[in-house]
C-alpha atoms as a PDB file:
ATOM      1  CA  UNK A   1       7.041  34.587  55.254  1.00  0.00           C
ATOM      2  CA  UNK A   2       4.474  31.741  57.391  1.00  0.00           C
ATOM      3  CA  UNK A   3       5.437  28.055  58.778  1.00  0.00           C
ATOM      4  CA  UNK A   4       3.581  24.965  57.087  1.00  0.00           C
ATOM      5  CA  UNK A   5       1.193  23.408  59.279  1.00  0.00           C
ATOM      6  CA  UNK A   6       2.137  19.584  59.137  1.00  0.00           C
ATOM      7  CA  UNK A   7      -0.295  16.584  59.772  1.00  0.00           C
ATOM      8  CA  UNK A   8       1.167  13.348  59.296  1.00  0.00           C
ATOM      9  CA  UNK A   9      -1.179  10.819  57.672  1.00  0.00           C
ATOM     10  CA  UNK A  10      -0.257   6.584  58.416  1.00  0.00           C
ATOM     11  CA  UNK A  11      -3.957   5.426  58.466  1.00  0.00           C
ATOM     12  CA  UNK A  12      -7.544   6.349  56.982  1.00  0.00           C
ATOM     13  CA  UNK A  13      -8.514   7.994  60.140  1.00  0.00           C
ATOM     14  CA  UNK A  14      -5.695  10.732  59.629  1.00  0.00           C
ATOM     15  CA  UNK A  15      -7.911  11.638  56.538  1.00  0.00           C
ATOM     16  CA  UNK A  16     -10.006  13.501  58.569  1.00  0.00           C
ATOM     17  CA  UNK A  17      -7.318  15.472  60.755  1.00  0.00           C
ATOM     18  CA  UNK A  18      -6.093  16.488  57.292  1.00  0.00           C
ATOM     19  CA  UNK A  19      -9.633  17.517  56.107  1.00  0.00           C
ATOM     20  CA  UNK A  20     -10.153  19.524  59.023  1.00  0.00           C
ATOM     21  CA  UNK A  21      -6.638  21.320  59.457  1.00  0.00           C
ATOM     22  CA  UNK A  22      -7.576  22.407  55.667  1.00  0.00           C
ATOM     23  CA  UNK A  23     -11.047  23.883  57.253  1.00  0.00           C
ATOM     24  CA  UNK A  24      -9.267  25.663  59.574  1.00  0.00           C
ATOM     25  CA  UNK A  25      -6.552  27.257  57.318  1.00  0.00           C
ATOM     26  CA  UNK A  26      -9.501  28.260  54.658  1.00  0.00           C
ATOM     27  CA  UNK A  27     -10.903  30.302  57.975  1.00  0.00           C
ATOM     28  CA  UNK A  28      -8.079  31.530  58.807  1.00  0.00           C
ATOM     29  CA  UNK A  29      -7.377  32.850  55.401  1.00  0.00           C
ATOM     30  CA  UNK A  30     -11.040  34.077  54.600  1.00  0.00           C
ATOM     31  CA  UNK A  31     -11.077  32.261  51.500  1.00  0.00           C
ATOM     32  CA  UNK A  32     -15.106  31.918  49.800  1.00  0.00           C
ATOM     33  CA  UNK A  33     -17.043  29.282  50.513  1.00  0.00           C
ATOM     34  CA  UNK A  34     -16.450  27.263  46.830  1.00  0.00           C
ATOM     35  CA  UNK A  35     -12.569  27.423  47.066  1.00  0.00           C
ATOM     36  CA  UNK A  36     -12.669  26.263  51.100  1.00  0.00           C
ATOM     37  CA  UNK A  37     -14.805  23.281  49.995  1.00  0.00           C
ATOM     38  CA  UNK A  38     -12.524  22.798  46.840  1.00  0.00           C
ATOM     39  CA  UNK A  39      -9.443  22.606  49.119  1.00  0.00           C
ATOM     40  CA  UNK A  40     -11.374  20.522  51.361  1.00  0.00           C
ATOM     41  CA  UNK A  41     -11.764  17.834  48.397  1.00  0.00           C
ATOM     42  CA  UNK A  42      -8.243  18.302  47.514  1.00  0.00           C
ATOM     43  CA  UNK A  43      -6.936  17.610  50.735  1.00  0.00           C
ATOM     44  CA  UNK A  44      -8.982  14.895  51.141  1.00  0.00           C
ATOM     45  CA  UNK A  45      -8.197  12.914  47.866  1.00  0.00           C
ATOM     46  CA  UNK A  46      -4.529  14.144  48.438  1.00  0.00           C
ATOM     47  CA  UNK A  47      -4.258  12.090  51.838  1.00  0.00           C
ATOM     48  CA  UNK A  48      -6.276   9.307  50.764  1.00  0.00           C
ATOM     49  CA  UNK A  49      -3.895   8.486  48.082  1.00  0.00           C
ATOM     50  CA  UNK A  50      -0.846   8.707  50.858  1.00  0.00           C
ATOM     51  CA  UNK A  51      -2.950   6.204  52.790  1.00  0.00           C
ATOM     52  CA  UNK A  52      -3.552   3.883  49.494  1.00  0.00           C
ATOM     53  CA  UNK A  53      -0.394   4.439  47.283  1.00  0.00           C
ATOM     54  CA  UNK A  54       2.215   5.933  49.504  1.00  0.00           C
ATOM     55  CA  UNK A  55       2.597   3.788  52.681  1.00  0.00           C
ATOM     56  CA  UNK A  56       1.488   6.837  54.315  1.00  0.00           C
ATOM     57  CA  UNK A  57       3.213  10.280  53.870  1.00  0.00           C
ATOM     58  CA  UNK A  58       2.669  14.186  55.257  1.00  0.00           C
ATOM     59  CA  UNK A  59       0.303  16.649  54.127  1.00  0.00           C
ATOM     60  CA  UNK A  60       1.859  20.155  54.543  1.00  0.00           C
ATOM     61  CA  UNK A  61      -0.302  23.568  54.269  1.00  0.00           C
ATOM     62  CA  UNK A  62       0.584  26.756  53.911  1.00  0.00           C
ATOM     63  CA  UNK A  63      -0.627  30.353  52.845  1.00  0.00           C
ATOM     64  CA  UNK A  64       1.311  31.801  49.890  1.00  0.00           C
ATOM     65  CA  UNK A  65       0.001  34.650  47.580  1.00  0.00           C
ATOM     66  CA  UNK A  66      -0.869  38.525  48.691  1.00  0.00           C
ATOM     67  CA  UNK A  67      -2.071  39.522  51.845  1.00  0.00           C
ATOM     68  CA  UNK A  68      -5.397  40.727  49.782  1.00  0.00           C
ATOM     69  CA  UNK A  69      -5.442  37.862  47.660  1.00  0.00           C
ATOM     70  CA  UNK A  70      -4.581  34.333  49.961  1.00  0.00           C
ATOM     71  CA  UNK A  71      -3.729  31.425  48.193  1.00  0.00           C
ATOM     72  CA  UNK A  72      -4.028  27.813  50.348  1.00  0.00           C
ATOM     73  CA  UNK A  73      -0.706  26.033  49.460  1.00  0.00           C
ATOM     74  CA  UNK A  74      -1.157  22.181  49.692  1.00  0.00           C
ATOM     75  CA  UNK A  75       1.936  19.670  49.615  1.00  0.00           C
ATOM     76  CA  UNK A  76       1.865  15.916  49.777  1.00  0.00           C
ATOM     77  CA  UNK A  77       5.110  13.575  50.343  1.00  0.00           C
ATOM     78  CA  UNK A  78       5.310  10.271  50.081  1.00  0.00           C
ATOM     79  CA  UNK A  79       7.826   7.745  50.022  1.00  0.00           C
ATOM     80  CA  UNK A  80       5.916   4.835  48.229  1.00  0.00           C
ATOM     81  CA  UNK A  81       6.862   3.035  45.149  1.00  0.00           C
ATOM     82  CA  UNK A  82       5.894   6.339  42.904  1.00  0.00           C
ATOM     83  CA  UNK A  83       4.662   6.154  39.745  1.00  0.00           C
ATOM     84  CA  UNK A  84       5.878   4.982  36.170  1.00  0.00           C
ATOM     85  CA  UNK A  85       3.718   7.137  34.105  1.00  0.00           C
ATOM     86  CA  UNK A  86       2.358  10.479  36.048  1.00  0.00           C
ATOM     87  CA  UNK A  87       0.261  11.280  32.996  1.00  0.00           C
ATOM     88  CA  UNK A  88      -1.667   7.608  32.816  1.00  0.00           C
ATOM     89  CA  UNK A  89      -1.919   8.066  36.715  1.00  0.00           C
ATOM     90  CA  UNK A  90      -3.934  11.312  36.131  1.00  0.00           C
ATOM     91  CA  UNK A  91      -6.489   9.654  33.535  1.00  0.00           C
ATOM     92  CA  UNK A  92     -10.012   9.475  36.098  1.00  0.00           C
ATOM     93  CA  UNK A  93     -10.571   5.492  36.452  1.00  0.00           C
ATOM     94  CA  UNK A  94      -7.224   4.422  36.285  1.00  0.00           C
ATOM     95  CA  UNK A  95      -6.090   3.142  39.750  1.00  0.00           C
ATOM     96  CA  UNK A  96      -3.298   0.488  40.983  1.00  0.00           C
ATOM     97  CA  UNK A  97      -4.986   0.042  44.208  1.00  0.00           C
ATOM     98  CA  UNK A  98      -8.511  -0.958  43.580  1.00  0.00           C
ATOM     99  CA  UNK A  99     -10.303   2.221  44.155  1.00  0.00           C
ATOM    100  CA  UNK A 100     -12.575   4.462  41.404  1.00  0.00           C
ATOM    101  CA  UNK A 101      -8.957   5.965  40.698  1.00  0.00           C
ATOM    102  CA  UNK A 102     -10.382   9.755  40.665  1.00  0.00           C
ATOM    103  CA  UNK A 103      -8.171  11.481  43.072  1.00  0.00           C
ATOM    104  CA  UNK A 104      -5.049  12.853  40.886  1.00  0.00           C
ATOM    105  CA  UNK A 105      -7.432  13.964  38.262  1.00  0.00           C
ATOM    106  CA  UNK A 106      -9.978  15.484  40.525  1.00  0.00           C
ATOM    107  CA  UNK A 107      -6.844  17.540  42.367  1.00  0.00           C
ATOM    108  CA  UNK A 108      -6.100  18.598  39.003  1.00  0.00           C
ATOM    109  CA  UNK A 109      -9.557  19.786  38.030  1.00  0.00           C
ATOM    110  CA  UNK A 110      -9.657  22.040  41.121  1.00  0.00           C
ATOM    111  CA  UNK A 111      -6.916  23.518  41.655  1.00  0.00           C
ATOM    112  CA  UNK A 112      -5.978  26.873  40.637  1.00  0.00           C
ATOM    113  CA  UNK A 113      -2.226  25.540  39.976  1.00  0.00           C
ATOM    114  CA  UNK A 114      -0.877  21.908  40.080  1.00  0.00           C
ATOM    115  CA  UNK A 115       2.517  20.141  39.523  1.00  0.00           C
ATOM    116  CA  UNK A 116       3.311  16.438  40.410  1.00  0.00           C
ATOM    117  CA  UNK A 117       6.778  15.042  40.816  1.00  0.00           C
ATOM    118  CA  UNK A 118       7.308  11.076  40.763  1.00  0.00           C
ATOM    119  CA  UNK A 119       9.447   8.457  40.191  1.00  0.00           C
ATOM    120  CA  UNK A 120       9.741   4.833  40.869  1.00  0.00           C
ATOM    121  CA  UNK A 121      11.401   4.323  43.935  1.00  0.00           C
ATOM    122  CA  UNK A 122      11.065   7.900  44.560  1.00  0.00           C
ATOM    123  CA  UNK A 123       8.131   8.199  45.921  1.00  0.00           C
ATOM    124  CA  UNK A 124       5.624  10.903  44.920  1.00  0.00           C
ATOM    125  CA  UNK A 125       5.061  14.723  45.558  1.00  0.00           C
ATOM    126  CA  UNK A 126       1.797  16.508  45.205  1.00  0.00           C
ATOM    127  CA  UNK A 127       1.448  20.263  44.798  1.00  0.00           C
ATOM    128  CA  UNK A 128      -1.843  22.233  44.516  1.00  0.00           C
ATOM    129  CA  UNK A 129      -2.718  26.135  44.942  1.00  0.00           C
ATOM    130  CA  UNK A 130      -6.077  27.046  45.808  1.00  0.00           C
ATOM    131  CA  UNK A 131      -7.503  30.705  45.334  1.00  0.00           C
ATOM    132  CA  UNK A 132      -7.455  33.277  42.633  1.00  0.00           C
ATOM    133  CA  UNK A 133      -5.800  36.359  42.521  1.00  0.00           C
ATOM    134  CA  UNK A 134      -8.046  39.553  42.427  1.00  0.00           C
ATOM    135  CA  UNK A 135      -9.446  40.296  38.700  1.00  0.00           C
ATOM    136  CA  UNK A 136      -8.919  43.686  36.909  1.00  0.00           C
ATOM    137  CA  UNK A 137      -6.453  46.646  37.791  1.00  0.00           C
ATOM    138  CA  UNK A 138      -5.655  44.581  41.288  1.00  0.00           C
ATOM    139  CA  UNK A 139      -4.586  41.829  39.898  1.00  0.00           C
ATOM    140  CA  UNK A 140      -0.633  41.546  40.107  1.00  0.00           C
ATOM    141  CA  UNK A 141       1.608  41.850  37.019  1.00  0.00           C
ATOM    142  CA  UNK A 142       3.525  38.391  36.178  1.00  0.00           C
ATOM    143  CA  UNK A 143       6.276  37.206  38.915  1.00  0.00           C
ATOM    144  CA  UNK A 144       9.966  37.031  37.489  1.00  0.00           C
ATOM    145  CA  UNK A 145      10.543  34.347  40.288  1.00  0.00           C
ATOM    146  CA  UNK A 146       8.372  31.670  41.410  1.00  0.00           C
ATOM    147  CA  UNK A 147       9.400  30.977  45.282  1.00  0.00           C
ATOM    148  CA  UNK A 148       9.126  27.617  47.278  1.00  0.00           C
ATOM    149  CA  UNK A 149       9.637  27.030  51.052  1.00  0.00           C
ATOM    150  CA  UNK A 150       9.006  24.269  53.521  1.00  0.00           C
ATOM    151  CA  UNK A 151       9.191  25.531  56.872  1.00  0.00           C
ATOM    152  CA  UNK A 152       8.063  23.115  59.714  1.00  0.00           C
ATOM    153  CA  UNK A 153       8.611  23.636  63.850  1.00  0.00           C
ATOM    154  CA  UNK A 154      10.357  20.659  65.707  1.00  0.00           C
ATOM    155  CA  UNK A 155       8.057  17.757  66.688  1.00  0.00           C
ATOM    156  CA  UNK A 156       5.336  19.209  69.085  1.00  0.00           C
ATOM    157  CA  UNK A 157       6.408  22.875  69.548  1.00  0.00           C
ATOM    158  CA  UNK A 158       3.993  25.206  68.947  1.00  0.00           C
ATOM    159  CA  UNK A 159       6.052  27.929  67.116  1.00  0.00           C
ATOM    160  CA  UNK A 160       8.983  27.376  64.365  1.00  0.00           C
ATOM    161  CA  UNK A 161      12.526  29.240  65.517  1.00  0.00           C
ATOM    162  CA  UNK A 162      13.246  29.606  61.496  1.00  0.00           C
ATOM    163  CA  UNK A 163      11.918  32.559  59.611  1.00  0.00           C
ATOM    164  CA  UNK A 164      12.613  33.433  56.111  1.00  0.00           C
ATOM    165  CA  UNK A 165      11.023  36.586  53.674  1.00  0.00           C
ATOM    166  CA  UNK A 166      11.296  37.111  50.063  1.00  0.00           C
ATOM    167  CA  UNK A 167      11.408  40.582  48.723  1.00  0.00           C
ATOM    168  CA  UNK A 168      11.136  42.263  45.335  1.00  0.00           C
ATOM    169  CA  UNK A 169      14.515  44.278  44.304  1.00  0.00           C
ATOM    170  CA  UNK A 170      14.658  47.099  41.528  1.00  0.00           C
ATOM    171  CA  UNK A 171      16.786  44.370  39.478  1.00  0.00           C
ATOM    172  CA  UNK A 172      15.896  41.098  41.046  1.00  0.00           C
ATOM    173  CA  UNK A 173      14.883  39.619  44.155  1.00  0.00           C
ATOM    174  CA  UNK A 174      16.016  38.848  47.964  1.00  0.00           C
ATOM    175  CA  UNK A 175      15.812  35.821  49.957  1.00  0.00           C
ATOM    176  CA  UNK A 176      16.639  35.740  54.082  1.00  0.00           C
ATOM    177  CA  UNK A 177      16.416  32.747  56.130  1.00  0.00           C
ATOM    178  CA  UNK A 178      17.110  32.920  59.531  1.00  0.00           C
ATOM    179  CA  UNK A 179      17.887  30.233  62.445  1.00  0.00           C
ATOM    180  CA  UNK A 180      16.916  31.112  65.936  1.00  0.00           C
ATOM    181  CA  UNK A 181      19.523  29.328  68.221  1.00  0.00           C
ATOM    182  CA  UNK A 182      17.890  26.488  69.395  1.00  0.00           C
ATOM    183  CA  UNK A 183      13.832  26.028  69.025  1.00  0.00           C
ATOM    184  CA  UNK A 184      10.926  26.865  70.899  1.00  0.00           C
ATOM    185  CA  UNK A 185       9.841  30.449  71.578  1.00  0.00           C
ATOM    186  CA  UNK A 186      13.264  32.043  72.265  1.00  0.00           C
ATOM    187  CA  UNK A 187      14.106  30.892  68.975  1.00  0.00           C
ATOM    188  CA  UNK A 188      11.101  32.174  67.447  1.00  0.00           C
ATOM    189  CA  UNK A 189      12.014  35.562  68.847  1.00  0.00           C
ATOM    190  CA  UNK A 190      15.461  35.856  67.857  1.00  0.00           C
ATOM    191  CA  UNK A 191      14.072  35.187  63.842  1.00  0.00           C
ATOM    192  CA  UNK A 192      11.613  37.241  64.130  1.00  0.00           C
ATOM    193  CA  UNK A 193      13.702  40.133  65.054  1.00  0.00           C
ATOM    194  CA  UNK A 194      15.824  39.645  62.676  1.00  0.00           C
ATOM    195  CA  UNK A 195      13.298  40.152  59.888  1.00  0.00           C
ATOM    196  CA  UNK A 196      11.875  43.175  61.688  1.00  0.00           C
ATOM    197  CA  UNK A 197      15.483  44.868  61.042  1.00  0.00           C
ATOM    198  CA  UNK A 198      15.457  43.583  57.749  1.00  0.00           C
ATOM    199  CA  UNK A 199      12.221  45.215  57.050  1.00  0.00           C
ATOM    200  CA  UNK A 200      13.138  48.268  58.491  1.00  0.00           C
ATOM    201  CA  UNK A 201      16.128  48.540  56.195  1.00  0.00           C
ATOM    202  CA  UNK A 202      14.757  46.993  52.978  1.00  0.00           C
ATOM    203  CA  UNK A 203      17.357  49.327  51.314  1.00  0.00           C
ATOM    204  CA  UNK A 204      19.949  48.152  52.711  1.00  0.00           C
ATOM    205  CA  UNK A 205      22.597  45.842  50.674  1.00  0.00           C
ATOM    206  CA  UNK A 206      23.488  42.387  51.799  1.00  0.00           C
ATOM    207  CA  UNK A 207      26.673  43.265  53.902  1.00  0.00           C
ATOM    208  CA  UNK A 208      25.329  46.185  55.548  1.00  0.00           C
ATOM    209  CA  UNK A 209      22.045  44.484  56.249  1.00  0.00           C
ATOM    210  CA  UNK A 210      23.795  41.773  58.212  1.00  0.00           C
ATOM    211  CA  UNK A 211      25.724  43.964  60.212  1.00  0.00           C
ATOM    212  CA  UNK A 212      22.243  45.704  61.352  1.00  0.00           C
ATOM    213  CA  UNK A 213      20.879  42.199  62.296  1.00  0.00           C
ATOM    214  CA  UNK A 214      24.073  41.359  63.919  1.00  0.00           C
ATOM    215  CA  UNK A 215      23.781  44.537  66.146  1.00  0.00           C
ATOM    216  CA  UNK A 216      20.527  44.017  66.397  1.00  0.00           C
ATOM    217  CA  UNK A 217      19.987  40.529  68.005  1.00  0.00           C
ATOM    218  CA  UNK A 218      22.360  41.148  70.858  1.00  0.00           C
ATOM    219  CA  UNK A 219      19.267  41.644  73.302  1.00  0.00           C
ATOM    220  CA  UNK A 220      17.859  37.631  71.968  1.00  0.00           C
ATOM    221  CA  UNK A 221      19.665  34.155  72.041  1.00  0.00           C
ATOM    222  CA  UNK A 222      21.107  34.982  68.583  1.00  0.00           C
ATOM    223  CA  UNK A 223      20.442  33.514  64.955  1.00  0.00           C
ATOM    224  CA  UNK A 224      22.274  32.073  61.959  1.00  0.00           C
ATOM    225  CA  UNK A 225      21.593  34.289  59.235  1.00  0.00           C
ATOM    226  CA  UNK A 226      21.633  34.201  55.149  1.00  0.00           C
ATOM    227  CA  UNK A 227      20.766  37.135  53.008  1.00  0.00           C
ATOM    228  CA  UNK A 228      21.001  36.184  49.208  1.00  0.00           C
ATOM    229  CA  UNK A 229      20.236  39.276  46.733  1.00  0.00           C
ATOM    230  CA  UNK A 230      19.438  38.234  43.055  1.00  0.00           C
ATOM    231  CA  UNK A 231      20.386  41.189  40.518  1.00  0.00           C
ATOM    232  CA  UNK A 232      18.789  39.678  36.920  1.00  0.00           C
ATOM    233  CA  UNK A 233      20.786  42.881  35.366  1.00  0.00           C
ATOM    234  CA  UNK A 234      24.025  41.887  36.709  1.00  0.00           C
ATOM    235  CA  UNK A 235      23.590  38.183  36.335  1.00  0.00           C
ATOM    236  CA  UNK A 236      24.713  37.548  39.947  1.00  0.00           C
ATOM    237  CA  UNK A 237      23.873  36.554  43.493  1.00  0.00           C
ATOM    238  CA  UNK A 238      25.191  38.179  46.541  1.00  0.00           C
ATOM    239  CA  UNK A 239      25.505  36.312  49.399  1.00  0.00           C
ATOM    240  CA  UNK A 240      26.369  36.826  52.957  1.00  0.00           C
ATOM    241  CA  UNK A 241      26.177  34.171  55.668  1.00  0.00           C
ATOM    242  CA  UNK A 242      26.846  33.834  59.479  1.00  0.00           C
ATOM    243  CA  UNK A 243      26.072  30.511  61.268  1.00  0.00           C
ATOM    244  CA  UNK A 244      24.476  27.368  59.797  1.00  0.00           C
ATOM    245  CA  UNK A 245      22.464  28.119  57.417  1.00  0.00           C
ATOM    246  CA  UNK A 246      23.339  26.926  54.235  1.00  0.00           C
ATOM    247  CA  UNK A 247      23.096  28.722  50.710  1.00  0.00           C
ATOM    248  CA  UNK A 248      23.395  26.862  47.456  1.00  0.00           C
ATOM    249  CA  UNK A 249      23.113  27.187  43.723  1.00  0.00           C
ATOM    250  CA  UNK A 250      22.239  24.263  41.292  1.00  0.00           C
ATOM    251  CA  UNK A 251      22.693  23.985  37.502  1.00  0.00           C
ATOM    252  CA  UNK A 252      20.254  22.370  35.169  1.00  0.00           C
ATOM    253  CA  UNK A 253      22.577  19.643  35.136  1.00  0.00           C
ATOM    254  CA  UNK A 254      22.637  19.068  39.296  1.00  0.00           C
ATOM    255  CA  UNK A 255      25.853  20.513  39.742  1.00  0.00           C
ATOM    256  CA  UNK A 256      25.983  22.089  43.077  1.00  0.00           C
ATOM    257  CA  UNK A 257      27.806  25.217  44.151  1.00  0.00           C
ATOM    258  CA  UNK A 258      27.903  25.974  47.799  1.00  0.00           C
ATOM    259  CA  UNK A 259      27.866  29.582  48.840  1.00  0.00           C
ATOM    260  CA  UNK A 260      30.124  30.352  51.858  1.00  0.00           C
ATOM    261  CA  UNK A 261      28.805  30.910  55.543  1.00  0.00           C
ATOM    262  CA  UNK A 262      31.356  32.610  57.535  1.00  0.00           C
ATOM    263  CA  UNK A 263      31.426  30.786  61.564  1.00  0.00           C
ATOM    264  CA  UNK A 264      29.317  32.832  64.095  1.00  0.00           C
ATOM    265  CA  UNK A 265      26.101  33.358  65.439  1.00  0.00           C
ATOM    266  CA  UNK A 266      24.264  37.222  64.623  1.00  0.00           C
ATOM    267  CA  UNK A 267      24.153  38.998  67.849  1.00  0.00           C
ATOM    268  CA  UNK A 268      26.860  37.212  69.598  1.00  0.00           C
ATOM    269  CA  UNK A 269      29.599  36.210  68.116  1.00  0.00           C
ATOM    270  CA  UNK A 270      30.806  37.611  64.483  1.00  0.00           C
ATOM    271  CA  UNK A 271      34.746  37.757  64.080  1.00  0.00           C
ATOM    272  CA  UNK A 272      33.900  38.032  60.041  1.00  0.00           C
ATOM    273  CA  UNK A 273      30.954  39.377  57.830  1.00  0.00           C
ATOM    274  CA  UNK A 274      31.535  39.341  54.107  1.00  0.00           C
ATOM    275  CA  UNK A 275      29.613  39.387  51.283  1.00  0.00           C
ATOM    276  CA  UNK A 276      30.645  37.246  48.269  1.00  0.00           C
ATOM    277  CA  UNK A 277      29.505  37.249  44.414  1.00  0.00           C
ATOM    278  CA  UNK A 278      28.199  34.323  42.428  1.00  0.00           C
ATOM    279  CA  UNK A 279      27.440  33.932  38.813  1.00  0.00           C
ATOM    280  CA  UNK A 280      23.531  33.801  37.884  1.00  0.00           C
ATOM    281  CA  UNK A 281      21.994  32.202  34.933  1.00  0.00           C
ATOM    282  CA  UNK A 282      18.360  32.402  33.937  1.00  0.00           C
ATOM    283  CA  UNK A 283      18.291  28.399  34.475  1.00  0.00           C
ATOM    284  CA  UNK A 284      19.942  28.474  37.904  1.00  0.00           C
ATOM    285  CA  UNK A 285      18.098  27.459  41.395  1.00  0.00           C
ATOM    286  CA  UNK A 286      18.877  29.101  44.607  1.00  0.00           C
ATOM    287  CA  UNK A 287      18.691  26.691  47.668  1.00  0.00           C
ATOM    288  CA  UNK A 288      19.061  28.021  51.318  1.00  0.00           C
ATOM    289  CA  UNK A 289      18.092  26.082  54.340  1.00  0.00           C
ATOM    290  CA  UNK A 290      18.484  25.703  58.222  1.00  0.00           C
ATOM    291  CA  UNK A 291      20.714  23.144  59.766  1.00  0.00           C
ATOM    292  CA  UNK A 292      17.075  21.097  60.321  1.00  0.00           C
ATOM    293  CA  UNK A 293      18.115  19.495  56.751  1.00  0.00           C
ATOM    294  CA  UNK A 294      21.532  17.159  56.427  1.00  0.00           C
ATOM    295  CA  UNK A 295      24.153  19.296  54.658  1.00  0.00           C
ATOM    296  CA  UNK A 296      24.922  16.369  52.110  1.00  0.00           C
ATOM    297  CA  UNK A 297      21.890  16.430  49.873  1.00  0.00           C
ATOM    298  CA  UNK A 298      21.875  16.059  46.548  1.00  0.00           C
ATOM    299  CA  UNK A 299      19.492  16.256  43.275  1.00  0.00           C
ATOM    300  CA  UNK A 300      21.228  13.979  41.575  1.00  0.00           C
ATOM    301  CA  UNK A 301      19.298  11.453  42.027  1.00  0.00           C
ATOM    302  CA  UNK A 302      16.095  13.200  41.026  1.00  0.00           C
ATOM    303  CA  UNK A 303      15.249  12.944  37.596  1.00  0.00           C
ATOM    304  CA  UNK A 304      13.670  16.080  35.912  1.00  0.00           C
ATOM    305  CA  UNK A 305      13.229  17.731  39.278  1.00  0.00           C
ATOM    306  CA  UNK A 306      15.173  20.691  38.048  1.00  0.00           C
ATOM    307  CA  UNK A 307      12.084  21.608  35.827  1.00  0.00           C
ATOM    308  CA  UNK A 308       9.583  21.222  39.197  1.00  0.00           C
ATOM    309  CA  UNK A 309       8.093  23.970  40.710  1.00  0.00           C
ATOM    310  CA  UNK A 310      10.325  25.539  43.775  1.00  0.00           C
ATOM    311  CA  UNK A 311       7.927  24.020  46.220  1.00  0.00           C
ATOM    312  CA  UNK A 312       8.019  20.518  44.834  1.00  0.00           C
ATOM    313  CA  UNK A 313      12.042  20.608  45.403  1.00  0.00           C
ATOM    314  CA  UNK A 314      11.348  22.257  48.500  1.00  0.00           C
ATOM    315  CA  UNK A 315       9.111  19.033  49.655  1.00  0.00           C
ATOM    316  CA  UNK A 316      11.217  16.944  48.287  1.00  0.00           C
ATOM    317  CA  UNK A 317      14.476  18.106  50.526  1.00  0.00           C
ATOM    318  CA  UNK A 318      12.396  18.036  53.579  1.00  0.00           C
ATOM    319  CA  UNK A 319      11.151  14.487  52.949  1.00  0.00           C
ATOM    320  CA  UNK A 320      14.207  13.073  52.088  1.00  0.00           C
ATOM    321  CA  UNK A 321      17.040  15.152  53.946  1.00  0.00           C
ATOM    322  CA  UNK A 322      15.486  16.749  57.548  1.00  0.00           C
ATOM    323  CA  UNK A 323      17.108  15.406  60.423  1.00  0.00           C
ATOM    324  CA  UNK A 324      14.338  15.346  62.764  1.00  0.00           C
ATOM    325  CA  UNK A 325      15.905  16.942  65.587  1.00  0.00           C
ATOM    326  CA  UNK A 326      15.630  20.655  65.268  1.00  0.00           C
ATOM    327  CA  UNK A 327      12.851  23.355  63.240  1.00  0.00           C
ATOM    328  CA  UNK A 328      13.772  22.548  59.317  1.00  0.00           C
ATOM    329  CA  UNK A 329      13.415  25.268  56.728  1.00  0.00           C
ATOM    330  CA  UNK A 330      13.978  25.228  52.809  1.00  0.00           C
ATOM    331  CA  UNK A 331      13.584  27.620  50.423  1.00  0.00           C
ATOM    332  CA  UNK A 332      14.023  27.303  46.954  1.00  0.00           C
ATOM    333  CA  UNK A 333      13.835  30.318  44.052  1.00  0.00           C
ATOM    334  CA  UNK A 334      13.983  30.259  40.155  1.00  0.00           C
ATOM    335  CA  UNK A 335      13.756  32.585  37.482  1.00  0.00           C
ATOM    336  CA  UNK A 336      10.140  32.346  35.883  1.00  0.00           C
ATOM    337  CA  UNK A 337      10.438  34.846  33.006  1.00  0.00           C
ATOM    338  CA  UNK A 338       9.315  38.134  32.499  1.00  0.00           C
ATOM    339  CA  UNK A 339      11.182  41.629  31.915  1.00  0.00           C
ATOM    340  CA  UNK A 340      12.449  44.437  34.015  1.00  0.00           C
ATOM    341  CA  UNK A 341       9.288  45.654  34.158  1.00  0.00           C
ATOM    342  CA  UNK A 342       7.723  43.064  35.300  1.00  0.00           C
ATOM    343  CA  UNK A 343       6.721  43.318  38.813  1.00  0.00           C
ATOM    344  CA  UNK A 344       7.597  40.495  41.388  1.00  0.00           C
END
């Protein structure tokens, strides 16, 4: 888990701030000078596009990947007019703003992975990964899941009171999202404590783990917690939720099935803690979010979004449904393929 660095980009002077933030993250990740330079170019191009084409927006920077092979994730979000043809806009020299028109093409060439979602009237989201996994025997096996997340603190708070983590399981994946009560340092400490308990009891299933977290958070201000266990062998999701962290399963047609969380606050008030089972199909998408997002969101109006990378989906949910009054976290998971022998 990690918290995004968010840079608001409204005018040309903000492009430099985004570039400096990317340089600082490159140093923190100890990226080599070539990748750090590429990251600076990608962020500059993405932020410039926000100003020229999107009417302003937000750059989100994050660390993903294994500890020994960190990757910088860059998300550029805007609510501008969107693009009629992403493919045409990727061509060097194509521009609708009188600029050289090399931005999206440069982002694609310099990134180890990239994805773009845009639709007329629905704005644009650009995703780029900068960094490479280790070569040879240290190279990780292909993942069976794709995971995308956005986690941003409220306003100018120095820490985020939400936290999240994914963990490989024998037949699938565990996803935990925690929302510490309120925001600021007290919420951060509660969420951190919940994930420490989960790490210490990683063999527990969803219900006993929730009971441990509830007991272990009594010395904190408490938290809302959701635990989801995806089991590919059984074709199911086991879900235990306490408080206002919400979980949903999305079908390819956009049908949203909300999973049940019970009222209460882990560490303080839990009249009932239960786990429930839901069917999981290979084309299902799991979404879990804190109450920093409005609950009545839908993906129906975004054609083709279901096929995009989970970070794109998380970015759009954050962009269009954040409340702005609290920390906001959304985690999106989809099956990426592979066999039971593949390592997550």
